[in-house]
Amino acid sequence: MTQANNPLHGITLQMMLEELVERYGWATLAELVPIRCFAHQPSIKSCLVFLRRTPWAREKVEQLYVRSLKSPFRR
């Protein structure tokens, strides 16, 4: 089974999160995906733990990442 049309192929959750934080910052990320780990004492490590255990939150982060790939805004 090929992954040619999957924009997330080869991208780890950590890579996604680091890029999103670099692009938006924690405060904006907490507004775009309203989950507590982004708003209260955020860290990559704690957010990764939460996202790996919470499928609905991970899906929202993945959707934001895919949308950000299509967006012309870059820092």
C-alpha atoms as a PDB file:
ATOM      1  CA  MET A   1       0.000   0.000   0.000  1.00  0.00           C
ATOM      2  CA  THR A   2       1.535   3.336  -1.046  1.00  0.00           C
ATOM      3  CA  GLN A   3       1.340   6.588   0.836  1.00  0.00           C
ATOM      4  CA  ALA A   4       1.863   8.964  -2.085  1.00  0.00           C
ATOM      5  CA  ASN A   5      -1.272  10.995  -1.372  1.00  0.00           C
ATOM      6  CA  ASN A   6      -0.850  11.077   2.403  1.00  0.00           C
ATOM      7  CA  PRO A   7       0.667  14.446   3.437  1.00  0.00           C
ATOM      8  CA  LEU A   8       1.514  13.000   6.875  1.00  0.00           C
ATOM      9  CA  HIS A   9       3.578  10.108   5.533  1.00  0.00           C
ATOM     10  CA  GLY A  10       7.027  10.233   7.097  1.00  0.00           C
ATOM     11  CA  ILE A  11       6.110  13.048   9.507  1.00  0.00           C
ATOM     12  CA  THR A  12       6.256  12.212  13.203  1.00  0.00           C
ATOM     13  CA  LEU A  13       3.959  13.750  15.773  1.00  0.00           C
ATOM     14  CA  GLN A  14       6.957  15.477  17.323  1.00  0.00           C
ATOM     15  CA  MET A  15       7.956  17.004  13.981  1.00  0.00           C
ATOM     16  CA  MET A  16       4.395  18.257  13.456  1.00  0.00           C
ATOM     17  CA  LEU A  17       4.163  19.754  16.909  1.00  0.00           C
ATOM     18  CA  GLU A  18       7.566  21.457  16.731  1.00  0.00           C
ATOM     19  CA  GLU A  19       6.724  23.018  13.379  1.00  0.00           C
ATOM     20  CA  LEU A  20       3.314  24.191  14.572  1.00  0.00           C
ATOM     21  CA  VAL A  21       4.813  25.739  17.716  1.00  0.00           C
ATOM     22  CA  GLU A  22       7.495  27.468  15.663  1.00  0.00           C
ATOM     23  CA  ARG A  23       4.910  28.755  13.204  1.00  0.00           C
ATOM     24  CA  TYR A  24       2.119  29.824  15.559  1.00  0.00           C
ATOM     25  CA  GLY A  25       3.545  29.878  19.084  1.00  0.00           C
ATOM     26  CA  TRP A  26       1.889  28.228  22.086  1.00  0.00           C
ATOM     27  CA  ALA A  27      -0.752  30.937  22.661  1.00  0.00           C
ATOM     28  CA  THR A  28      -2.083  30.890  19.109  1.00  0.00           C
ATOM     29  CA  LEU A  29      -1.874  27.116  18.988  1.00  0.00           C
ATOM     30  CA  ALA A  30      -4.023  26.975  22.140  1.00  0.00           C
ATOM     31  CA  GLU A  31      -6.612  29.145  20.381  1.00  0.00           C
ATOM     32  CA  LEU A  32      -6.581  27.083  17.188  1.00  0.00           C
ATOM     33  CA  VAL A  33      -6.722  23.738  19.020  1.00  0.00           C
ATOM     34  CA  PRO A  34      -8.253  24.439  22.446  1.00  0.00           C
ATOM     35  CA  ILE A  35      -6.661  21.788  24.605  1.00  0.00           C
ATOM     36  CA  ARG A  36      -5.217  22.393  28.046  1.00  0.00           C
ATOM     37  CA  CYS A  37      -1.702  21.117  27.345  1.00  0.00           C
ATOM     38  CA  PHE A  38      -1.195  23.972  24.840  1.00  0.00           C
ATOM     39  CA  ALA A  39      -2.451  26.671  27.196  1.00  0.00           C
ATOM     40  CA  HIS A  40      -1.083  25.789  30.645  1.00  0.00           C
ATOM     41  CA  GLN A  41       2.673  25.320  31.067  1.00  0.00           C
ATOM     42  CA  PRO A  42       3.132  23.851  27.581  1.00  0.00           C
ATOM     43  CA  SER A  43       6.128  21.769  26.610  1.00  0.00           C
ATOM     44  CA  ILE A  44       6.759  19.523  23.649  1.00  0.00           C
ATOM     45  CA  LYS A  45       7.227  16.518  25.926  1.00  0.00           C
ATOM     46  CA  SER A  46       3.991  16.933  27.917  1.00  0.00           C
ATOM     47  CA  CYS A  47       1.958  17.660  24.792  1.00  0.00           C
ATOM     48  CA  LEU A  48       3.342  14.594  23.029  1.00  0.00           C
ATOM     49  CA  VAL A  49       2.315  12.398  25.961  1.00  0.00           C
ATOM     50  CA  PHE A  50      -1.212  13.844  25.887  1.00  0.00           C
ATOM     51  CA  LEU A  51      -1.595  13.665  22.111  1.00  0.00           C
ATOM     52  CA  ARG A  52      -0.380  10.074  21.945  1.00  0.00           C
ATOM     53  CA  ARG A  53      -2.999   9.050  24.506  1.00  0.00           C
ATOM     54  CA  THR A  54      -5.859  11.162  23.129  1.00  0.00           C
ATOM     55  CA  PRO A  55      -6.852  10.272  19.557  1.00  0.00           C
ATOM     56  CA  TRP A  56      -9.375  13.114  19.082  1.00  0.00           C
ATOM     57  CA  ALA A  57      -6.780  15.733  20.077  1.00  0.00           C
ATOM     58  CA  ARG A  58      -4.113  14.189  17.868  1.00  0.00           C
ATOM     59  CA  GLU A  59      -6.541  14.254  14.951  1.00  0.00           C
ATOM     60  CA  LYS A  60      -7.165  17.982  15.472  1.00  0.00           C
ATOM     61  CA  VAL A  61      -3.428  18.681  15.529  1.00  0.00           C
ATOM     62  CA  GLU A  62      -2.920  16.612  12.374  1.00  0.00           C
ATOM     63  CA  GLN A  63      -5.739  18.497  10.625  1.00  0.00           C
ATOM     64  CA  LEU A  64      -4.196  21.840  11.601  1.00  0.00           C
ATOM     65  CA  TYR A  65      -0.807  20.676  10.335  1.00  0.00           C
ATOM     66  CA  VAL A  66      -2.236  19.641   6.965  1.00  0.00           C
ATOM     67  CA  ARG A  67      -4.082  22.987   6.672  1.00  0.00           C
ATOM     68  CA  SER A  68      -0.871  24.826   7.549  1.00  0.00           C
ATOM     69  CA  LEU A  69       0.934  23.064   4.703  1.00  0.00           C
ATOM     70  CA  LYS A  70      -1.543  24.580   2.263  1.00  0.00           C
ATOM     71  CA  SER A  71      -1.427  28.055   3.803  1.00  0.00           C
ATOM     72  CA  PRO A  72       0.870  30.661   2.232  1.00  0.00           C
ATOM     73  CA  PHE A  73       1.723  32.210   5.645  1.00  0.00           C
ATOM     74  CA  ARG A  74       5.237  31.294   6.753  1.00  0.00           C
ATOM     75  CA  ARG A  75       7.421  32.829   9.457  1.00  0.00           C
END
